Amino acid sequence: MTPYQIPLAPMAHPRIDIFLLGYIAAVSSFTALFFLRSWKQTRDFLFLAFAVFFVVQGATRAFGLATSRPNLAGGWVYLLRLLGVVLVVIAILRKNFSAA
């Protein structure tokens, strides 16, 4: 092991970790559908941004379930989650400054 590698700790409770990741993925997907319905009614970009954010959150959690280490995500997962957050921030700023 090189000095730059972090040793991986074993999962303390693998069944609970997997259950919680699945739960978060399901709830995120449901929440995305809620925001998508709101976007269809109002055509407000903020609702669409939140829907995309929750789709990304749910998809990355669901993909994590398919890996051998579900509670450890790769760097690209964090990049996708960051892009979702940036999209929400852009939507909030757009909504606040478009009324001005």
PDB file of N, CA and C in Angstrom:
ATOM      1  N   MET A   1       0.859  -1.179   0.000  1.00  0.00           N
ATOM      2  CA  MET A   1       0.000   0.000   0.000  1.00  0.00           C
ATOM      3  C   MET A   1       0.896   1.231   0.000  1.00  0.00           C
ATOM      4  N   THR A   2       0.590   2.161  -0.889  1.00  0.00           N
ATOM      5  CA  THR A   2       1.364   3.400  -0.961  1.00  0.00           C
ATOM      6  C   THR A   2       0.909   4.344   0.146  1.00  0.00           C
ATOM      7  N   PRO A   3       1.731   5.341   0.478  1.00  0.00           N
ATOM      8  CA  PRO A   3       1.334   6.251   1.562  1.00  0.00           C
ATOM      9  C   PRO A   3       0.127   7.117   1.226  1.00  0.00           C
ATOM     10  N   TYR A   4      -0.260   7.162  -0.043  1.00  0.00           N
ATOM     11  CA  TYR A   4      -1.386   8.008  -0.435  1.00  0.00           C
ATOM     12  C   TYR A   4      -2.707   7.258  -0.454  1.00  0.00           C
ATOM     13  N   GLN A   5      -2.689   5.959  -0.254  1.00  0.00           N
ATOM     14  CA  GLN A   5      -3.918   5.184  -0.251  1.00  0.00           C
ATOM     15  C   GLN A   5      -4.514   5.166   1.151  1.00  0.00           C
ATOM     16  N   ILE A   6      -5.813   5.287   1.207  1.00  0.00           N
ATOM     17  CA  ILE A   6      -6.521   5.232   2.479  1.00  0.00           C
ATOM     18  C   ILE A   6      -7.018   3.803   2.658  1.00  0.00           C
ATOM     19  N   PRO A   7      -6.720   3.184   3.791  1.00  0.00           N
ATOM     20  CA  PRO A   7      -7.215   1.823   3.971  1.00  0.00           C
ATOM     21  C   PRO A   7      -8.742   1.811   4.080  1.00  0.00           C
ATOM     22  N   LEU A   8      -9.352   0.830   3.450  1.00  0.00           N
ATOM     23  CA  LEU A   8     -10.806   0.723   3.441  1.00  0.00           C
ATOM     24  C   LEU A   8     -11.268  -0.056   4.660  1.00  0.00           C
ATOM     25  N   ALA A   9     -12.117   0.563   5.427  1.00  0.00           N
ATOM     26  CA  ALA A   9     -12.682  -0.112   6.588  1.00  0.00           C
ATOM     27  C   ALA A   9     -13.830  -1.008   6.128  1.00  0.00           C
ATOM     28  N   PRO A  10     -13.966  -2.171   6.714  1.00  0.00           N
ATOM     29  CA  PRO A  10     -15.104  -3.020   6.326  1.00  0.00           C
ATOM     30  C   PRO A  10     -16.421  -2.385   6.771  1.00  0.00           C
ATOM     31  N   MET A  11     -17.469  -2.734   6.054  1.00  0.00           N
ATOM     32  CA  MET A  11     -18.785  -2.228   6.421  1.00  0.00           C
ATOM     33  C   MET A  11     -19.183  -2.842   7.759  1.00  0.00           C
ATOM     34  N   ALA A  12     -19.568  -2.000   8.703  1.00  0.00           N
ATOM     35  CA  ALA A  12     -19.927  -2.486  10.027  1.00  0.00           C
ATOM     36  C   ALA A  12     -21.240  -3.260   9.988  1.00  0.00           C
ATOM     37  N   HIS A  13     -22.201  -2.742   9.246  1.00  0.00           N
ATOM     38  CA  HIS A  13     -23.524  -3.361   9.168  1.00  0.00           C
ATOM     39  C   HIS A  13     -23.958  -3.384   7.698  1.00  0.00           C
ATOM     40  N   PRO A  14     -23.503  -4.372   6.928  1.00  0.00           N
ATOM     41  CA  PRO A  14     -23.785  -4.350   5.486  1.00  0.00           C
ATOM     42  C   PRO A  14     -25.267  -4.392   5.134  1.00  0.00           C
ATOM     43  N   ARG A  15     -26.064  -5.127   5.871  1.00  0.00           N
ATOM     44  CA  ARG A  15     -27.495  -5.199   5.547  1.00  0.00           C
ATOM     45  C   ARG A  15     -28.180  -3.855   5.782  1.00  0.00           C
ATOM     46  N   ILE A  16     -27.806  -3.184   6.841  1.00  0.00           N
ATOM     47  CA  ILE A  16     -28.405  -1.874   7.126  1.00  0.00           C
ATOM     48  C   ILE A  16     -27.950  -0.861   6.086  1.00  0.00           C
ATOM     49  N   ASP A  17     -26.654  -0.892   5.714  1.00  0.00           N
ATOM     50  CA  ASP A  17     -26.157   0.030   4.698  1.00  0.00           C
ATOM     51  C   ASP A  17     -26.890  -0.160   3.380  1.00  0.00           C
ATOM     52  N   ILE A  18     -27.049  -1.398   2.971  1.00  0.00           N
ATOM     53  CA  ILE A  18     -27.727  -1.677   1.704  1.00  0.00           C
ATOM     54  C   ILE A  18     -29.201  -1.276   1.778  1.00  0.00           C
ATOM     55  N   PHE A  19     -29.850  -1.568   2.902  1.00  0.00           N
ATOM     56  CA  PHE A  19     -31.248  -1.165   3.069  1.00  0.00           C
ATOM     57  C   PHE A  19     -31.394   0.352   2.988  1.00  0.00           C
ATOM     58  N   LEU A  20     -30.531   1.079   3.687  1.00  0.00           N
ATOM     59  CA  LEU A  20     -30.636   2.539   3.697  1.00  0.00           C
ATOM     60  C   LEU A  20     -30.331   3.147   2.340  1.00  0.00           C
ATOM     61  N   LEU A  21     -29.354   2.600   1.609  1.00  0.00           N
ATOM     62  CA  LEU A  21     -29.085   3.099   0.260  1.00  0.00           C
ATOM     63  C   LEU A  21     -30.277   2.861  -0.660  1.00  0.00           C
ATOM     64  N   GLY A  22     -30.905   1.697  -0.549  1.00  0.00           N
ATOM     65  CA  GLY A  22     -32.100   1.426  -1.351  1.00  0.00           C
ATOM     66  C   GLY A  22     -33.249   2.332  -0.976  1.00  0.00           C
ATOM     67  N   TYR A  23     -33.408   2.585   0.316  1.00  0.00           N
ATOM     68  CA  TYR A  23     -34.460   3.476   0.786  1.00  0.00           C
ATOM     69  C   TYR A  23     -34.246   4.895   0.267  1.00  0.00           C
ATOM     70  N   ILE A  24     -33.018   5.383   0.353  1.00  0.00           N
ATOM     71  CA  ILE A  24     -32.707   6.730  -0.138  1.00  0.00           C
ATOM     72  C   ILE A  24     -32.950   6.813  -1.642  1.00  0.00           C
ATOM     73  N   ALA A  25     -32.575   5.771  -2.381  1.00  0.00           N
ATOM     74  CA  ALA A  25     -32.796   5.764  -3.832  1.00  0.00           C
ATOM     75  C   ALA A  25     -34.281   5.813  -4.161  1.00  0.00           C
ATOM     76  N   ALA A  26     -35.086   5.034  -3.437  1.00  0.00           N
ATOM     77  CA  ALA A  26     -36.526   5.000  -3.698  1.00  0.00           C
ATOM     78  C   ALA A  26     -37.187   6.326  -3.337  1.00  0.00           C
ATOM     79  N   VAL A  27     -36.838   6.879  -2.197  1.00  0.00           N
ATOM     80  CA  VAL A  27     -37.437   8.147  -1.769  1.00  0.00           C
ATOM     81  C   VAL A  27     -37.013   9.279  -2.695  1.00  0.00           C
ATOM     82  N   SER A  28     -35.763   9.255  -3.139  1.00  0.00           N
ATOM     83  CA  SER A  28     -35.302  10.281  -4.080  1.00  0.00           C
ATOM     84  C   SER A  28     -36.063  10.195  -5.394  1.00  0.00           C
ATOM     85  N   SER A  29     -36.302   8.988  -5.869  1.00  0.00           N
ATOM     86  CA  SER A  29     -37.061   8.823  -7.112  1.00  0.00           C
ATOM     87  C   SER A  29     -38.500   9.314  -6.955  1.00  0.00           C
ATOM     88  N   PHE A  30     -39.120   8.997  -5.844  1.00  0.00           N
ATOM     89  CA  PHE A  30     -40.476   9.470  -5.582  1.00  0.00           C
ATOM     90  C   PHE A  30     -40.517  10.993  -5.508  1.00  0.00           C
ATOM     91  N   THR A  31     -39.548  11.587  -4.840  1.00  0.00           N
ATOM     92  CA  THR A  31     -39.489  13.044  -4.722  1.00  0.00           C
ATOM     93  C   THR A  31     -39.269  13.685  -6.086  1.00  0.00           C
ATOM     94  N   ALA A  32     -38.453  13.053  -6.929  1.00  0.00           N
ATOM     95  CA  ALA A  32     -38.248  13.572  -8.280  1.00  0.00           C
ATOM     96  C   ALA A  32     -39.553  13.580  -9.065  1.00  0.00           C
ATOM     97  N   LEU A  33     -40.352  12.536  -8.909  1.00  0.00           N
ATOM     98  CA  LEU A  33     -41.655  12.501  -9.591  1.00  0.00           C
ATOM     99  C   LEU A  33     -42.581  13.601  -9.086  1.00  0.00           C
ATOM    100  N   PHE A  34     -42.528  13.892  -7.789  1.00  0.00           N
ATOM    101  CA  PHE A  34     -43.332  14.971  -7.216  1.00  0.00           C
ATOM    102  C   PHE A  34     -42.948  16.317  -7.832  1.00  0.00           C
ATOM    103  N   PHE A  35     -41.644  16.590  -7.918  1.00  0.00           N
ATOM    104  CA  PHE A  35     -41.195  17.858  -8.501  1.00  0.00           C
ATOM    105  C   PHE A  35     -41.458  17.903 -10.001  1.00  0.00           C
ATOM    106  N   LEU A  36     -41.376  16.762 -10.665  1.00  0.00           N
ATOM    107  CA  LEU A  36     -41.670  16.734 -12.099  1.00  0.00           C
ATOM    108  C   LEU A  36     -43.143  17.048 -12.357  1.00  0.00           C
ATOM    109  N   ARG A  37     -44.025  16.537 -11.500  1.00  0.00           N
ATOM    110  CA  ARG A  37     -45.450  16.863 -11.627  1.00  0.00           C
ATOM    111  C   ARG A  37     -45.688  18.354 -11.405  1.00  0.00           C
ATOM    112  N   SER A  38     -44.999  18.918 -10.427  1.00  0.00           N
ATOM    113  CA  SER A  38     -45.133  20.356 -10.170  1.00  0.00           C
ATOM    114  C   SER A  38     -44.600  21.171 -11.342  1.00  0.00           C
ATOM    115  N   TRP A  39     -43.511  20.697 -11.950  1.00  0.00           N
ATOM    116  CA  TRP A  39     -42.960  21.404 -13.100  1.00  0.00           C
ATOM    117  C   TRP A  39     -43.926  21.353 -14.284  1.00  0.00           C
ATOM    118  N   LYS A  40     -44.584  20.217 -14.487  1.00  0.00           N
ATOM    119  CA  LYS A  40     -45.530  20.105 -15.592  1.00  0.00           C
ATOM    120  C   LYS A  40     -46.712  21.059 -15.418  1.00  0.00           C
ATOM    121  N   GLN A  41     -47.098  21.314 -14.171  1.00  0.00           N
ATOM    122  CA  GLN A  41     -48.216  22.210 -13.915  1.00  0.00           C
ATOM    123  C   GLN A  41     -47.823  23.673 -14.057  1.00  0.00           C
ATOM    124  N   THR A  42     -46.615  24.039 -13.608  1.00  0.00           N
ATOM    125  CA  THR A  42     -46.235  25.452 -13.567  1.00  0.00           C
ATOM    126  C   THR A  42     -45.205  25.859 -14.609  1.00  0.00           C
ATOM    127  N   ARG A  43     -44.459  24.901 -15.151  1.00  0.00           N
ATOM    128  CA  ARG A  43     -43.350  25.169 -16.082  1.00  0.00           C
ATOM    129  C   ARG A  43     -42.280  26.064 -15.451  1.00  0.00           C
ATOM    130  N   ASP A  44     -42.129  25.954 -14.138  1.00  0.00           N
ATOM    131  CA  ASP A  44     -41.105  26.714 -13.421  1.00  0.00           C
ATOM    132  C   ASP A  44     -39.808  25.911 -13.443  1.00  0.00           C
ATOM    133  N   PHE A  45     -38.731  26.546 -13.892  1.00  0.00           N
ATOM    134  CA  PHE A  45     -37.440  25.871 -14.029  1.00  0.00           C
ATOM    135  C   PHE A  45     -36.911  25.356 -12.689  1.00  0.00           C
ATOM    136  N   LEU A  46     -37.279  25.993 -11.602  1.00  0.00           N
ATOM    137  CA  LEU A  46     -36.815  25.568 -10.285  1.00  0.00           C
ATOM    138  C   LEU A  46     -37.321  24.156  -9.955  1.00  0.00           C
ATOM    139  N   PHE A  47     -38.561  23.856 -10.298  1.00  0.00           N
ATOM    140  CA  PHE A  47     -39.087  22.516 -10.063  1.00  0.00           C
ATOM    141  C   PHE A  47     -38.355  21.476 -10.913  1.00  0.00           C
ATOM    142  N   LEU A  48     -38.035  21.832 -12.145  1.00  0.00           N
ATOM    143  CA  LEU A  48     -37.302  20.916 -13.012  1.00  0.00           C
ATOM    144  C   LEU A  48     -35.897  20.668 -12.476  1.00  0.00           C
ATOM    145  N   ALA A  49     -35.256  21.712 -11.966  1.00  0.00           N
ATOM    146  CA  ALA A  49     -33.915  21.561 -11.404  1.00  0.00           C
ATOM    147  C   ALA A  49     -33.936  20.642 -10.192  1.00  0.00           C
ATOM    148  N   PHE A  50     -34.937  20.778  -9.344  1.00  0.00           N
ATOM    149  CA  PHE A  50     -35.042  19.895  -8.183  1.00  0.00           C
ATOM    150  C   PHE A  50     -35.338  18.462  -8.620  1.00  0.00           C
ATOM    151  N   ALA A  51     -36.144  18.290  -9.655  1.00  0.00           N
ATOM    152  CA  ALA A  51     -36.425  16.942 -10.155  1.00  0.00           C
ATOM    153  C   ALA A  51     -35.140  16.275 -10.662  1.00  0.00           C
ATOM    154  N   VAL A  52     -34.342  17.017 -11.411  1.00  0.00           N
ATOM    155  CA  VAL A  52     -33.073  16.477 -11.913  1.00  0.00           C
ATOM    156  C   VAL A  52     -32.141  16.162 -10.742  1.00  0.00           C
ATOM    157  N   PHE A  53     -32.098  17.047  -9.758  1.00  0.00           N
ATOM    158  CA  PHE A  53     -31.259  16.823  -8.582  1.00  0.00           C
ATOM    159  C   PHE A  53     -31.622  15.514  -7.892  1.00  0.00           C
ATOM    160  N   PHE A  54     -32.901  15.271  -7.671  1.00  0.00           N
ATOM    161  CA  PHE A  54     -33.304  14.058  -6.976  1.00  0.00           C
ATOM    162  C   PHE A  54     -33.143  12.815  -7.841  1.00  0.00           C
ATOM    163  N   VAL A  55     -33.261  12.953  -9.153  1.00  0.00           N
ATOM    164  CA  VAL A  55     -32.976  11.816 -10.039  1.00  0.00           C
ATOM    165  C   VAL A  55     -31.505  11.434  -9.929  1.00  0.00           C
ATOM    166  N   VAL A  56     -30.632  12.430  -9.937  1.00  0.00           N
ATOM    167  CA  VAL A  56     -29.195  12.164  -9.806  1.00  0.00           C
ATOM    168  C   VAL A  56     -28.891  11.521  -8.454  1.00  0.00           C
ATOM    169  N   GLN A  57     -29.482  12.047  -7.390  1.00  0.00           N
ATOM    170  CA  GLN A  57     -29.254  11.474  -6.064  1.00  0.00           C
ATOM    171  C   GLN A  57     -29.717  10.020  -6.005  1.00  0.00           C
ATOM    172  N   GLY A  58     -30.900   9.756  -6.512  1.00  0.00           N
ATOM    173  CA  GLY A  58     -31.412   8.387  -6.490  1.00  0.00           C
ATOM    174  C   GLY A  58     -30.621   7.444  -7.380  1.00  0.00           C
ATOM    175  N   ALA A  59     -30.241   7.919  -8.555  1.00  0.00           N
ATOM    176  CA  ALA A  59     -29.504   7.061  -9.485  1.00  0.00           C
ATOM    177  C   ALA A  59     -28.115   6.715  -8.955  1.00  0.00           C
ATOM    178  N   THR A  60     -27.435   7.675  -8.347  1.00  0.00           N
ATOM    179  CA  THR A  60     -26.110   7.370  -7.811  1.00  0.00           C
ATOM    180  C   THR A  60     -26.202   6.411  -6.625  1.00  0.00           C
ATOM    181  N   ARG A  61     -27.244   6.543  -5.817  1.00  0.00           N
ATOM    182  CA  ARG A  61     -27.424   5.600  -4.709  1.00  0.00           C
ATOM    183  C   ARG A  61     -27.772   4.211  -5.242  1.00  0.00           C
ATOM    184  N   ALA A  62     -28.640   4.146  -6.252  1.00  0.00           N
ATOM    185  CA  ALA A  62     -29.020   2.856  -6.833  1.00  0.00           C
ATOM    186  C   ALA A  62     -27.824   2.195  -7.515  1.00  0.00           C
ATOM    187  N   PHE A  63     -27.005   2.981  -8.185  1.00  0.00           N
ATOM    188  CA  PHE A  63     -25.819   2.412  -8.812  1.00  0.00           C
ATOM    189  C   PHE A  63     -24.844   1.896  -7.754  1.00  0.00           C
ATOM    190  N   GLY A  64     -24.764   2.591  -6.639  1.00  0.00           N
ATOM    191  CA  GLY A  64     -23.892   2.144  -5.561  1.00  0.00           C
ATOM    192  C   GLY A  64     -24.276   0.778  -5.038  1.00  0.00           C
ATOM    193  N   LEU A  65     -25.554   0.453  -5.116  1.00  0.00           N
ATOM    194  CA  LEU A  65     -26.013  -0.863  -4.667  1.00  0.00           C
ATOM    195  C   LEU A  65     -25.478  -1.990  -5.543  1.00  0.00           C
ATOM    196  N   ALA A  66     -25.138  -1.678  -6.783  1.00  0.00           N
ATOM    197  CA  ALA A  66     -24.654  -2.694  -7.705  1.00  0.00           C
ATOM    198  C   ALA A  66     -23.151  -2.932  -7.577  1.00  0.00           C
ATOM    199  N   THR A  67     -22.462  -2.143  -6.778  1.00  0.00           N
ATOM    200  CA  THR A  67     -21.020  -2.298  -6.622  1.00  0.00           C
ATOM    201  C   THR A  67     -20.710  -3.197  -5.429  1.00  0.00           C
ATOM    202  N   SER A  68     -19.462  -3.600  -5.344  1.00  0.00           N
ATOM    203  CA  SER A  68     -19.068  -4.471  -4.240  1.00  0.00           C
ATOM    204  C   SER A  68     -18.924  -3.709  -2.927  1.00  0.00           C
ATOM    205  N   ARG A  69     -18.692  -2.402  -3.004  1.00  0.00           N
ATOM    206  CA  ARG A  69     -18.577  -1.558  -1.805  1.00  0.00           C
ATOM    207  C   ARG A  69     -19.633  -0.458  -1.902  1.00  0.00           C
ATOM    208  N   PRO A  70     -20.883  -0.737  -1.558  1.00  0.00           N
ATOM    209  CA  PRO A  70     -21.963   0.216  -1.811  1.00  0.00           C
ATOM    210  C   PRO A  70     -21.865   1.526  -1.039  1.00  0.00           C
ATOM    211  N   ASN A  71     -21.184   1.542   0.096  1.00  0.00           N
ATOM    212  CA  ASN A  71     -21.123   2.789   0.858  1.00  0.00           C
ATOM    213  C   ASN A  71     -19.908   3.631   0.515  1.00  0.00           C
ATOM    214  N   LEU A  72     -19.104   3.196  -0.445  1.00  0.00           N
ATOM    215  CA  LEU A  72     -17.961   3.981  -0.893  1.00  0.00           C
ATOM    216  C   LEU A  72     -18.179   4.351  -2.354  1.00  0.00           C
ATOM    217  N   ALA A  73     -18.257   5.624  -2.623  1.00  0.00           N
ATOM    218  CA  ALA A  73     -18.528   6.078  -3.985  1.00  0.00           C
ATOM    219  C   ALA A  73     -17.229   6.528  -4.646  1.00  0.00           C
ATOM    220  N   GLY A  74     -17.199   6.423  -5.955  1.00  0.00           N
ATOM    221  CA  GLY A  74     -16.061   6.910  -6.714  1.00  0.00           C
ATOM    222  C   GLY A  74     -16.148   8.420  -6.907  1.00  0.00           C
ATOM    223  N   GLY A  75     -15.076   8.992  -7.433  1.00  0.00           N
ATOM    224  CA  GLY A  75     -15.031  10.432  -7.635  1.00  0.00           C
ATOM    225  C   GLY A  75     -16.074  10.946  -8.610  1.00  0.00           C
ATOM    226  N   TRP A  76     -16.413  10.150  -9.613  1.00  0.00           N
ATOM    227  CA  TRP A  76     -17.393  10.602 -10.606  1.00  0.00           C
ATOM    228  C   TRP A  76     -18.783  10.736  -9.989  1.00  0.00           C
ATOM    229  N   VAL A  77     -19.065   9.936  -8.957  1.00  0.00           N
ATOM    230  CA  VAL A  77     -20.366  10.033  -8.289  1.00  0.00           C
ATOM    231  C   VAL A  77     -20.480  11.387  -7.598  1.00  0.00           C
ATOM    232  N   TYR A  78     -19.416  11.795  -6.934  1.00  0.00           N
ATOM    233  CA  TYR A  78     -19.444  13.092  -6.267  1.00  0.00           C
ATOM    234  C   TYR A  78     -19.527  14.231  -7.280  1.00  0.00           C
ATOM    235  N   LEU A  79     -18.914  14.049  -8.435  1.00  0.00           N
ATOM    236  CA  LEU A  79     -19.005  15.067  -9.483  1.00  0.00           C
ATOM    237  C   LEU A  79     -20.439  15.187  -9.993  1.00  0.00           C
ATOM    238  N   LEU A  80     -21.123  14.065 -10.192  1.00  0.00           N
ATOM    239  CA  LEU A  80     -22.524  14.108 -10.619  1.00  0.00           C
ATOM    240  C   LEU A  80     -23.404  14.785  -9.575  1.00  0.00           C
ATOM    241  N   ARG A  81     -23.170  14.455  -8.308  1.00  0.00           N
ATOM    242  CA  ARG A  81     -23.956  15.078  -7.238  1.00  0.00           C
ATOM    243  C   ARG A  81     -23.677  16.574  -7.156  1.00  0.00           C
ATOM    244  N   LEU A  82     -22.425  16.956  -7.363  1.00  0.00           N
ATOM    245  CA  LEU A  82     -22.078  18.381  -7.370  1.00  0.00           C
ATOM    246  C   LEU A  82     -22.772  19.107  -8.511  1.00  0.00           C
ATOM    247  N   LEU A  83     -22.818  18.492  -9.678  1.00  0.00           N
ATOM    248  CA  LEU A  83     -23.508  19.113 -10.815  1.00  0.00           C
ATOM    249  C   LEU A  83     -24.994  19.285 -10.531  1.00  0.00           C
ATOM    250  N   GLY A  84     -25.597  18.341  -9.840  1.00  0.00           N
ATOM    251  CA  GLY A  84     -27.003  18.477  -9.450  1.00  0.00           C
ATOM    252  C   GLY A  84     -27.213  19.646  -8.510  1.00  0.00           C
ATOM    253  N   VAL A  85     -26.316  19.806  -7.549  1.00  0.00           N
ATOM    254  CA  VAL A  85     -26.421  20.925  -6.609  1.00  0.00           C
ATOM    255  C   VAL A  85     -26.205  22.251  -7.328  1.00  0.00           C
ATOM    256  N   VAL A  86     -25.233  22.291  -8.233  1.00  0.00           N
ATOM    257  CA  VAL A  86     -24.979  23.521  -8.990  1.00  0.00           C
ATOM    258  C   VAL A  86     -26.194  23.886  -9.833  1.00  0.00           C
ATOM    259  N   LEU A  87     -26.852  22.904 -10.408  1.00  0.00           N
ATOM    260  CA  LEU A  87     -28.059  23.174 -11.189  1.00  0.00           C
ATOM    261  C   LEU A  87     -29.149  23.798 -10.324  1.00  0.00           C
ATOM    262  N   VAL A  88     -29.318  23.311  -9.107  1.00  0.00           N
ATOM    263  CA  VAL A  88     -30.320  23.877  -8.197  1.00  0.00           C
ATOM    264  C   VAL A  88     -29.939  25.297  -7.812  1.00  0.00           C
ATOM    265  N   VAL A  89     -28.666  25.541  -7.546  1.00  0.00           N
ATOM    266  CA  VAL A  89     -28.223  26.896  -7.193  1.00  0.00           C
ATOM    267  C   VAL A  89     -28.454  27.846  -8.356  1.00  0.00           C
ATOM    268  N   ILE A  90     -28.159  27.408  -9.570  1.00  0.00           N
ATOM    269  CA  ILE A  90     -28.398  28.247 -10.748  1.00  0.00           C
ATOM    270  C   ILE A  90     -29.891  28.548 -10.890  1.00  0.00           C
ATOM    271  N   ALA A  91     -30.733  27.553 -10.666  1.00  0.00           N
ATOM    272  CA  ALA A  91     -32.184  27.760 -10.773  1.00  0.00           C
ATOM    273  C   ALA A  91     -32.675  28.744  -9.718  1.00  0.00           C
ATOM    274  N   ILE A  92     -32.134  28.656  -8.502  1.00  0.00           N
ATOM    275  CA  ILE A  92     -32.534  29.591  -7.450  1.00  0.00           C
ATOM    276  C   ILE A  92     -32.104  30.998  -7.797  1.00  0.00           C
ATOM    277  N   LEU A  93     -30.860  31.155  -8.246  1.00  0.00           N
ATOM    278  CA  LEU A  93     -30.373  32.490  -8.620  1.00  0.00           C
ATOM    279  C   LEU A  93     -31.164  33.049  -9.796  1.00  0.00           C
ATOM    280  N   ARG A  94     -31.468  32.194 -10.761  1.00  0.00           N
ATOM    281  CA  ARG A  94     -32.247  32.650 -11.927  1.00  0.00           C
ATOM    282  C   ARG A  94     -33.636  33.133 -11.494  1.00  0.00           C
ATOM    283  N   LYS A  95     -34.259  32.378 -10.581  1.00  0.00           N
ATOM    284  CA  LYS A  95     -35.593  32.763 -10.125  1.00  0.00           C
ATOM    285  C   LYS A  95     -35.550  34.073  -9.327  1.00  0.00           C
ATOM    286  N   ASN A  96     -34.536  34.240  -8.492  1.00  0.00           N
ATOM    287  CA  ASN A  96     -34.434  35.457  -7.674  1.00  0.00           C
ATOM    288  C   ASN A  96     -34.092  36.691  -8.489  1.00  0.00           C
ATOM    289  N   PHE A  97     -33.231  36.536  -9.488  1.00  0.00           N
ATOM    290  CA  PHE A  97     -32.802  37.716 -10.224  1.00  0.00           C
ATOM    291  C   PHE A  97     -33.644  37.999 -11.469  1.00  0.00           C
ATOM    292  N   SER A  98     -34.485  37.063 -11.880  1.00  0.00           N
ATOM    293  CA  SER A  98     -35.338  37.343 -13.031  1.00  0.00           C
ATOM    294  C   SER A  98     -36.494  38.257 -12.648  1.00  0.00           C
ATOM    295  N   ALA A  99     -36.885  38.244 -11.382  1.00  0.00           N
ATOM    296  CA  ALA A  99     -37.984  39.107 -10.926  1.00  0.00           C
ATOM    297  C   ALA A  99     -37.519  40.541 -10.691  1.00  0.00           C
ATOM    298  N   ALA A 100     -36.201  40.739 -10.589  1.00  0.00           N
ATOM    299  CA  ALA A 100     -35.672  42.074 -10.284  1.00  0.00           C
ATOM    300  C   ALA A 100     -35.662  42.990 -11.454  1.00  0.00           C
TER     301      ALA A 100
END
